[in-house]
Amino acid sequence: MSNYKKLDKNASNLKTQADKLAETGEQSFL
């Protein structure tokens, strides 16, 4: 249970950062 909780949290945070780096267009993060 402890591992799955951490996995859920880390995967969610990873998705957030990945989405930011994947943005395209003039208003994108990069």
Full PDB file with SEQRES, HELIX, SHEET, SSBOND, CRYST1, ORIGX, SCALE, CONECT and MASTER records, all heavy atoms in Angstrom:
SEQRES   1 A   30  MET SER ASN TYR LYS LYS LEU ASP LYS ASN ALA SER ASN          
SEQRES   2 A   30  LEU LYS THR GLN ALA ASP LYS LEU ALA GLU THR GLY GLU          
SEQRES   3 A   30  GLN SER PHE LEU                                              
HELIX    1 AA1 SER A    2  ALA A   22  1                                  21    
CRYST1    1.000    1.000    1.000  90.00  90.00  90.00 P 1           1          
ORIGX1      1.000000  0.000000  0.000000        0.00000                         
ORIGX2      0.000000  1.000000  0.000000        0.00000                         
ORIGX3      0.000000  0.000000  1.000000        0.00000                         
SCALE1      1.000000  0.000000  0.000000        0.00000                         
SCALE2      0.000000  1.000000  0.000000        0.00000                         
SCALE3      0.000000  0.000000  1.000000        0.00000                         
ATOM      1  N   MET A   1       0.826  -1.205   0.000  1.00  0.00           N  
ATOM      2  CA  MET A   1       0.000   0.000   0.000  1.00  0.00           C  
ATOM      3  C   MET A   1       0.859   1.254   0.000  1.00  0.00           C  
ATOM      4  O   MET A   1       0.606   2.215  -0.746  1.00  0.00           O  
ATOM      5  CB  MET A   1      -0.921   0.006   1.220  1.00  0.00           C  
ATOM      6  CG  MET A   1      -1.812   1.242   1.328  1.00  0.00           C  
ATOM      7  SD  MET A   1      -3.025   1.360  -0.010  1.00  0.00           S  
ATOM      8  CE  MET A   1      -4.215   0.123   0.536  1.00  0.00           C  
ATOM      9  N   SER A   2       1.904   1.255   0.825  1.00  0.00           N  
ATOM     10  CA  SER A   2       2.801   2.406   0.920  1.00  0.00           C  
ATOM     11  C   SER A   2       3.491   2.666  -0.417  1.00  0.00           C  
ATOM     12  O   SER A   2       3.595   3.815  -0.863  1.00  0.00           O  
ATOM     13  CB  SER A   2       3.856   2.156   2.006  1.00  0.00           C  
ATOM     14  OG  SER A   2       4.782   3.216   2.059  1.00  0.00           O  
ATOM     15  N   ASN A   3       3.938   1.606  -1.073  1.00  0.00           N  
ATOM     16  CA  ASN A   3       4.620   1.764  -2.359  1.00  0.00           C  
ATOM     17  C   ASN A   3       3.670   2.296  -3.426  1.00  0.00           C  
ATOM     18  O   ASN A   3       4.043   3.161  -4.225  1.00  0.00           O  
ATOM     19  CB  ASN A   3       5.212   0.433  -2.815  1.00  0.00           C  
ATOM     20  CG  ASN A   3       6.097   0.581  -4.048  1.00  0.00           C  
ATOM     21  OD1 ASN A   3       7.013   1.383  -4.083  1.00  0.00           O  
ATOM     22  ND2 ASN A   3       5.800  -0.196  -5.087  1.00  0.00           N  
ATOM     23  N   TYR A   4       2.426   1.789  -3.441  1.00  0.00           N  
ATOM     24  CA  TYR A   4       1.455   2.252  -4.421  1.00  0.00           C  
ATOM     25  C   TYR A   4       1.073   3.718  -4.199  1.00  0.00           C  
ATOM     26  O   TYR A   4       0.861   4.458  -5.162  1.00  0.00           O  
ATOM     27  CB  TYR A   4       0.202   1.376  -4.401  1.00  0.00           C  
ATOM     28  CG  TYR A   4       0.292   0.180  -5.313  1.00  0.00           C  
ATOM     29  CD1 TYR A   4      -0.024  -1.101  -4.862  1.00  0.00           C  
ATOM     30  CD2 TYR A   4       0.689   0.322  -6.643  1.00  0.00           C  
ATOM     31  CE1 TYR A   4       0.064  -2.198  -5.706  1.00  0.00           C  
ATOM     32  CE2 TYR A   4       0.781  -0.763  -7.485  1.00  0.00           C  
ATOM     33  CZ  TYR A   4       0.463  -2.025  -7.020  1.00  0.00           C  
ATOM     34  OH  TYR A   4       0.556  -3.104  -7.859  1.00  0.00           O  
ATOM     35  N   LYS A   5       1.002   4.135  -2.938  1.00  0.00           N  
ATOM     36  CA  LYS A   5       0.693   5.539  -2.652  1.00  0.00           C  
ATOM     37  C   LYS A   5       1.791   6.451  -3.193  1.00  0.00           C  
ATOM     38  O   LYS A   5       1.523   7.482  -3.813  1.00  0.00           O  
ATOM     39  CB  LYS A   5       0.524   5.744  -1.141  1.00  0.00           C  
ATOM     40  CG  LYS A   5      -0.795   5.235  -0.576  1.00  0.00           C  
ATOM     41  CD  LYS A   5      -0.883   5.528   0.915  1.00  0.00           C  
ATOM     42  CE  LYS A   5      -2.223   5.060   1.479  1.00  0.00           C  
ATOM     43  NZ  LYS A   5      -2.319   5.316   2.943  1.00  0.00           N  
ATOM     44  N   LYS A   6       3.031   6.071  -2.927  1.00  0.00           N  
ATOM     45  CA  LYS A   6       4.166   6.862  -3.407  1.00  0.00           C  
ATOM     46  C   LYS A   6       4.216   6.837  -4.935  1.00  0.00           C  
ATOM     47  O   LYS A   6       4.513   7.846  -5.573  1.00  0.00           O  
ATOM     48  CB  LYS A   6       5.467   6.306  -2.832  1.00  0.00           C  
ATOM     49  CG  LYS A   6       5.625   6.493  -1.340  1.00  0.00           C  
ATOM     50  CD  LYS A   6       6.911   5.868  -0.832  1.00  0.00           C  
ATOM     51  CE  LYS A   6       7.053   6.022   0.675  1.00  0.00           C  
ATOM     52  NZ  LYS A   6       8.289   5.362   1.176  1.00  0.00           N  
ATOM     53  N   LEU A   7       3.921   5.677  -5.511  1.00  0.00           N  
ATOM     54  CA  LEU A   7       3.950   5.533  -6.961  1.00  0.00           C  
ATOM     55  C   LEU A   7       2.904   6.418  -7.620  1.00  0.00           C  
ATOM     56  O   LEU A   7       3.179   7.078  -8.632  1.00  0.00           O  
ATOM     57  CB  LEU A   7       3.711   4.071  -7.324  1.00  0.00           C  
ATOM     58  CG  LEU A   7       4.002   3.620  -8.760  1.00  0.00           C  
ATOM     59  CD1 LEU A   7       5.416   4.013  -9.171  1.00  0.00           C  
ATOM     60  CD2 LEU A   7       3.813   2.107  -8.859  1.00  0.00           C  
ATOM     61  N   ASP A   8       1.724   6.453  -7.041  1.00  0.00           N  
ATOM     62  CA  ASP A   8       0.641   7.292  -7.569  1.00  0.00           C  
ATOM     63  C   ASP A   8       1.044   8.770  -7.522  1.00  0.00           C  
ATOM     64  O   ASP A   8       0.879   9.501  -8.506  1.00  0.00           O  
ATOM     65  CB  ASP A   8      -0.625   7.057  -6.743  1.00  0.00           C  
ATOM     66  CG  ASP A   8      -1.797   7.918  -7.213  1.00  0.00           C  
ATOM     67  OD1 ASP A   8      -1.874   8.226  -8.419  1.00  0.00           O  
ATOM     68  OD2 ASP A   8      -2.635   8.272  -6.372  1.00  0.00           O  
ATOM     69  N   LYS A   9       1.603   9.190  -6.397  1.00  0.00           N  
ATOM     70  CA  LYS A   9       2.000  10.588  -6.228  1.00  0.00           C  
ATOM     71  C   LYS A   9       3.127  10.964  -7.187  1.00  0.00           C  
ATOM     72  O   LYS A   9       3.068  12.002  -7.864  1.00  0.00           O  
ATOM     73  CB  LYS A   9       2.445  10.831  -4.785  1.00  0.00           C  
ATOM     74  CG  LYS A   9       2.855  12.269  -4.503  1.00  0.00           C  
ATOM     75  CD  LYS A   9       3.249  12.444  -3.039  1.00  0.00           C  
ATOM     76  CE  LYS A   9       3.661  13.881  -2.759  1.00  0.00           C  
ATOM     77  NZ  LYS A   9       4.054  14.065  -1.331  1.00  0.00           N  
ATOM     78  N   ASN A  10       4.158  10.127  -7.261  1.00  0.00           N  
ATOM     79  CA  ASN A  10       5.301  10.436  -8.123  1.00  0.00           C  
ATOM     80  C   ASN A  10       4.921  10.406  -9.601  1.00  0.00           C  
ATOM     81  O   ASN A  10       5.382  11.245 -10.382  1.00  0.00           O  
ATOM     82  CB  ASN A  10       6.442   9.449  -7.856  1.00  0.00           C  
ATOM     83  CG  ASN A  10       7.148   9.718  -6.545  1.00  0.00           C  
ATOM     84  OD1 ASN A  10       7.431  10.861  -6.202  1.00  0.00           O  
ATOM     85  ND2 ASN A  10       7.449   8.671  -5.797  1.00  0.00           N  
ATOM     86  N   ALA A  11       4.081   9.458  -9.986  1.00  0.00           N  
ATOM     87  CA  ALA A  11       3.650   9.366 -11.381  1.00  0.00           C  
ATOM     88  C   ALA A  11       2.811  10.585 -11.767  1.00  0.00           C  
ATOM     89  O   ALA A  11       2.932  11.114 -12.881  1.00  0.00           O  
ATOM     90  CB  ALA A  11       2.866   8.078 -11.613  1.00  0.00           C  
ATOM     91  N   SER A  12       1.966  11.031 -10.849  1.00  0.00           N  
ATOM     92  CA  SER A  12       1.139  12.219 -11.104  1.00  0.00           C  
ATOM     93  C   SER A  12       2.017  13.457 -11.272  1.00  0.00           C  
ATOM     94  O   SER A  12       1.789  14.292 -12.158  1.00  0.00           O  
ATOM     95  CB  SER A  12       0.151  12.434  -9.956  1.00  0.00           C  
ATOM     96  OG  SER A  12      -0.783  11.376  -9.885  1.00  0.00           O  
ATOM     97  N   ASN A  13       3.027  13.594 -10.411  1.00  0.00           N  
ATOM     98  CA  ASN A  13       3.955  14.722 -10.512  1.00  0.00           C  
ATOM     99  C   ASN A  13       4.791  14.641 -11.783  1.00  0.00           C  
ATOM    100  O   ASN A  13       5.092  15.662 -12.416  1.00  0.00           O  
ATOM    101  CB  ASN A  13       4.872  14.758  -9.291  1.00  0.00           C  
ATOM    102  CG  ASN A  13       4.154  15.197  -8.027  1.00  0.00           C  
ATOM    103  OD1 ASN A  13       3.183  15.932  -8.090  1.00  0.00           O  
ATOM    104  ND2 ASN A  13       4.622  14.736  -6.882  1.00  0.00           N  
ATOM    105  N   LEU A  14       5.162  13.429 -12.164  1.00  0.00           N  
ATOM    106  CA  LEU A  14       5.924  13.233 -13.399  1.00  0.00           C  
ATOM    107  C   LEU A  14       5.090  13.670 -14.603  1.00  0.00           C  
ATOM    108  O   LEU A  14       5.601  14.338 -15.513  1.00  0.00           O  
ATOM    109  CB  LEU A  14       6.327  11.765 -13.538  1.00  0.00           C  
ATOM    110  CG  LEU A  14       7.034  11.374 -14.848  1.00  0.00           C  
ATOM    111  CD1 LEU A  14       8.311  12.180 -15.044  1.00  0.00           C  
ATOM    112  CD2 LEU A  14       7.337   9.875 -14.848  1.00  0.00           C  
ATOM    113  N   LYS A  15       3.831  13.302 -14.602  1.00  0.00           N  
ATOM    114  CA  LYS A  15       2.939  13.696 -15.698  1.00  0.00           C  
ATOM    115  C   LYS A  15       2.833  15.218 -15.798  1.00  0.00           C  
ATOM    116  O   LYS A  15       2.842  15.782 -16.903  1.00  0.00           O  
ATOM    117  CB  LYS A  15       1.553  13.084 -15.502  1.00  0.00           C  
ATOM    118  CG  LYS A  15       0.531  13.525 -16.550  1.00  0.00           C  
ATOM    119  CD  LYS A  15      -0.791  12.815 -16.415  1.00  0.00           C  
ATOM    120  CE  LYS A  15      -1.865  13.451 -17.271  1.00  0.00           C  
ATOM    121  NZ  LYS A  15      -1.466  13.622 -18.692  1.00  0.00           N  
ATOM    122  N   THR A  16       2.743  15.879 -14.650  1.00  0.00           N  
ATOM    123  CA  THR A  16       2.637  17.342 -14.633  1.00  0.00           C  
ATOM    124  C   THR A  16       3.853  17.987 -15.297  1.00  0.00           C  
ATOM    125  O   THR A  16       3.721  18.899 -16.129  1.00  0.00           O  
ATOM    126  CB  THR A  16       2.509  17.864 -13.191  1.00  0.00           C  
ATOM    127  OG1 THR A  16       1.301  17.363 -12.616  1.00  0.00           O  
ATOM    128  CG2 THR A  16       2.478  19.387 -13.161  1.00  0.00           C  
ATOM    129  N   GLN A  17       5.046  17.524 -14.930  1.00  0.00           N  
ATOM    130  CA  GLN A  17       6.270  18.081 -15.497  1.00  0.00           C  
ATOM    131  C   GLN A  17       6.427  17.702 -16.969  1.00  0.00           C  
ATOM    132  O   GLN A  17       6.899  18.504 -17.785  1.00  0.00           O  
ATOM    133  CB  GLN A  17       7.489  17.613 -14.696  1.00  0.00           C  
ATOM    134  CG  GLN A  17       7.483  18.024 -13.235  1.00  0.00           C  
ATOM    135  CD  GLN A  17       7.277  19.518 -13.044  1.00  0.00           C  
ATOM    136  OE1 GLN A  17       7.864  20.337 -13.760  1.00  0.00           O  
ATOM    137  NE2 GLN A  17       6.437  19.891 -12.090  1.00  0.00           N  
ATOM    138  N   ALA A  18       6.020  16.490 -17.310  1.00  0.00           N  
ATOM    139  CA  ALA A  18       6.107  16.043 -18.702  1.00  0.00           C  
ATOM    140  C   ALA A  18       5.182  16.876 -19.589  1.00  0.00           C  
ATOM    141  O   ALA A  18       5.554  17.267 -20.702  1.00  0.00           O  
ATOM    142  CB  ALA A  18       5.753  14.561 -18.799  1.00  0.00           C  
ATOM    143  N   ASP A  19       3.977  17.142 -19.093  1.00  0.00           N  
ATOM    144  CA  ASP A  19       3.021  17.955 -19.857  1.00  0.00           C  
ATOM    145  C   ASP A  19       3.570  19.353 -20.107  1.00  0.00           C  
ATOM    146  O   ASP A  19       3.374  19.932 -21.186  1.00  0.00           O  
ATOM    147  CB  ASP A  19       1.691  18.053 -19.106  1.00  0.00           C  
ATOM    148  CG  ASP A  19       0.882  16.760 -19.160  1.00  0.00           C  
ATOM    149  OD1 ASP A  19       1.153  15.941 -20.059  1.00  0.00           O  
ATOM    150  OD2 ASP A  19      -0.007  16.580 -18.315  1.00  0.00           O  
ATOM    151  N   LYS A  20       4.274  19.886 -19.109  1.00  0.00           N  
ATOM    152  CA  LYS A  20       4.849  21.229 -19.254  1.00  0.00           C  
ATOM    153  C   LYS A  20       5.923  21.235 -20.342  1.00  0.00           C  
ATOM    154  O   LYS A  20       5.988  22.152 -21.176  1.00  0.00           O  
ATOM    155  CB  LYS A  20       5.443  21.680 -17.914  1.00  0.00           C  
ATOM    156  CG  LYS A  20       5.948  23.116 -17.922  1.00  0.00           C  
ATOM    157  CD  LYS A  20       6.549  23.500 -16.571  1.00  0.00           C  
ATOM    158  CE  LYS A  20       5.498  23.550 -15.491  1.00  0.00           C  
ATOM    159  NZ  LYS A  20       6.068  24.071 -14.210  1.00  0.00           N  
ATOM    160  N   LEU A  21       6.761  20.203 -20.364  1.00  0.00           N  
ATOM    161  CA  LEU A  21       7.837  20.127 -21.348  1.00  0.00           C  
ATOM    162  C   LEU A  21       7.327  19.754 -22.739  1.00  0.00           C  
ATOM    163  O   LEU A  21       8.000  20.011 -23.738  1.00  0.00           O  
ATOM    164  CB  LEU A  21       8.884  19.105 -20.894  1.00  0.00           C  
ATOM    165  CG  LEU A  21       9.715  19.501 -19.666  1.00  0.00           C  
ATOM    166  CD1 LEU A  21      10.516  18.319 -19.156  1.00  0.00           C  
ATOM    167  CD2 LEU A  21      10.648  20.662 -20.002  1.00  0.00           C  
ATOM    168  N   ALA A  22       6.137  19.146 -22.785  1.00  0.00           N  
ATOM    169  CA  ALA A  22       5.577  18.714 -24.066  1.00  0.00           C  
ATOM    170  C   ALA A  22       4.769  19.806 -24.756  1.00  0.00           C  
ATOM    171  O   ALA A  22       4.383  19.651 -25.922  1.00  0.00           O  
ATOM    172  CB  ALA A  22       4.701  17.477 -23.861  1.00  0.00           C  
ATOM    173  N   GLU A  23       4.511  20.897 -24.049  1.00  0.00           N  
ATOM    174  CA  GLU A  23       3.710  21.979 -24.627  1.00  0.00           C  
ATOM    175  C   GLU A  23       4.341  22.535 -25.899  1.00  0.00           C  
ATOM    176  O   GLU A  23       5.560  22.611 -26.018  1.00  0.00           O  
ATOM    177  CB  GLU A  23       3.578  23.139 -23.612  1.00  0.00           C  
ATOM    178  CG  GLU A  23       2.695  22.834 -22.431  1.00  0.00           C  
ATOM    179  CD  GLU A  23       2.657  23.993 -21.445  1.00  0.00           C  
ATOM    180  OE1 GLU A  23       3.440  24.961 -21.627  1.00  0.00           O  
ATOM    181  OE2 GLU A  23       1.860  23.946 -20.510  1.00  0.00           O  
ATOM    182  N   THR A  24       3.491  22.898 -26.842  1.00  0.00           N  
ATOM    183  CA  THR A  24       3.963  23.518 -28.089  1.00  0.00           C  
ATOM    184  C   THR A  24       3.218  24.834 -28.322  1.00  0.00           C  
ATOM    185  O   THR A  24       2.206  25.097 -27.679  1.00  0.00           O  
ATOM    186  CB  THR A  24       3.724  22.578 -29.288  1.00  0.00           C  
ATOM    187  OG1 THR A  24       2.322  22.285 -29.395  1.00  0.00           O  
ATOM    188  CG2 THR A  24       4.506  21.283 -29.143  1.00  0.00           C  
ATOM    189  N   GLY A  25       3.723  25.638 -29.243  1.00  0.00           N  
ATOM    190  CA  GLY A  25       3.065  26.911 -29.541  1.00  0.00           C  
ATOM    191  C   GLY A  25       3.759  28.079 -28.877  1.00  0.00           C  
ATOM    192  O   GLY A  25       4.633  27.921 -28.020  1.00  0.00           O  
ATOM    193  N   GLU A  26       3.350  29.264 -29.257  1.00  0.00           N  
ATOM    194  CA  GLU A  26       3.988  30.483 -28.781  1.00  0.00           C  
ATOM    195  C   GLU A  26       3.862  30.689 -27.273  1.00  0.00           C  
ATOM    196  O   GLU A  26       4.717  31.317 -26.653  1.00  0.00           O  
ATOM    197  CB  GLU A  26       3.395  31.692 -29.506  1.00  0.00           C  
ATOM    198  CG  GLU A  26       3.691  31.708 -31.007  1.00  0.00           C  
ATOM    199  CD  GLU A  26       3.112  32.919 -31.695  1.00  0.00           C  
ATOM    200  OE1 GLU A  26       2.450  33.735 -30.997  1.00  0.00           O  
ATOM    201  OE2 GLU A  26       3.302  33.079 -32.912  1.00  0.00           O  
ATOM    202  N   GLN A  27       2.785  30.185 -26.687  1.00  0.00           N  
ATOM    203  CA  GLN A  27       2.563  30.370 -25.259  1.00  0.00           C  
ATOM    204  C   GLN A  27       3.046  29.180 -24.419  1.00  0.00           C  
ATOM    205  O   GLN A  27       2.758  29.095 -23.233  1.00  0.00           O  
ATOM    206  CB  GLN A  27       1.072  30.617 -24.994  1.00  0.00           C  
ATOM    207  CG  GLN A  27       0.519  31.866 -25.650  1.00  0.00           C  
ATOM    208  CD  GLN A  27       1.263  33.112 -25.193  1.00  0.00           C  
ATOM    209  OE1 GLN A  27       1.479  33.324 -23.997  1.00  0.00           O  
ATOM    210  NE2 GLN A  27       1.668  33.948 -26.156  1.00  0.00           N  
ATOM    211  N   SER A  28       3.762  28.280 -25.060  1.00  0.00           N  
ATOM    212  CA  SER A  28       4.239  27.102 -24.336  1.00  0.00           C  
ATOM    213  C   SER A  28       5.340  27.479 -23.345  1.00  0.00           C  
ATOM    214  O   SER A  28       5.979  28.535 -23.464  1.00  0.00           O  
ATOM    215  CB  SER A  28       4.777  26.054 -25.308  1.00  0.00           C  
ATOM    216  OG  SER A  28       5.931  26.537 -25.977  1.00  0.00           O  
ATOM    217  N   PHE A  29       5.562  26.625 -22.393  1.00  0.00           N  
ATOM    218  CA  PHE A  29       6.541  26.854 -21.340  1.00  0.00           C  
ATOM    219  C   PHE A  29       7.940  27.145 -21.896  1.00  0.00           C  
ATOM    220  O   PHE A  29       8.574  28.147 -21.545  1.00  0.00           O  
ATOM    221  CB  PHE A  29       6.581  25.632 -20.407  1.00  0.00           C  
ATOM    222  CG  PHE A  29       7.682  25.664 -19.386  1.00  0.00           C  
ATOM    223  CD1 PHE A  29       7.631  26.536 -18.311  1.00  0.00           C  
ATOM    224  CD2 PHE A  29       8.783  24.823 -19.511  1.00  0.00           C  
ATOM    225  CE1 PHE A  29       8.655  26.572 -17.369  1.00  0.00           C  
ATOM    226  CE2 PHE A  29       9.800  24.845 -18.576  1.00  0.00           C  
ATOM    227  CZ  PHE A  29       9.736  25.725 -17.507  1.00  0.00           C  
ATOM    228  N   LEU A  30       8.420  26.289 -22.775  1.00  0.00           N  
ATOM    229  CA  LEU A  30       9.777  26.461 -23.307  1.00  0.00           C  
ATOM    230  C   LEU A  30       9.897  27.665 -24.232  1.00  0.00           C  
ATOM    231  O   LEU A  30      10.952  28.325 -24.271  1.00  0.00           O  
ATOM    232  CB  LEU A  30      10.218  25.184 -24.031  1.00  0.00           C  
ATOM    233  CG  LEU A  30      10.501  23.973 -23.125  1.00  0.00           C  
ATOM    234  CD1 LEU A  30      10.843  22.747 -23.954  1.00  0.00           C  
ATOM    235  CD2 LEU A  30      11.634  24.277 -22.139  1.00  0.00           C  
TER     236      LEU A  30                                                      
MASTER        0    0    0    1    0    0    0    6  235    1    0    3          
END                                                                             
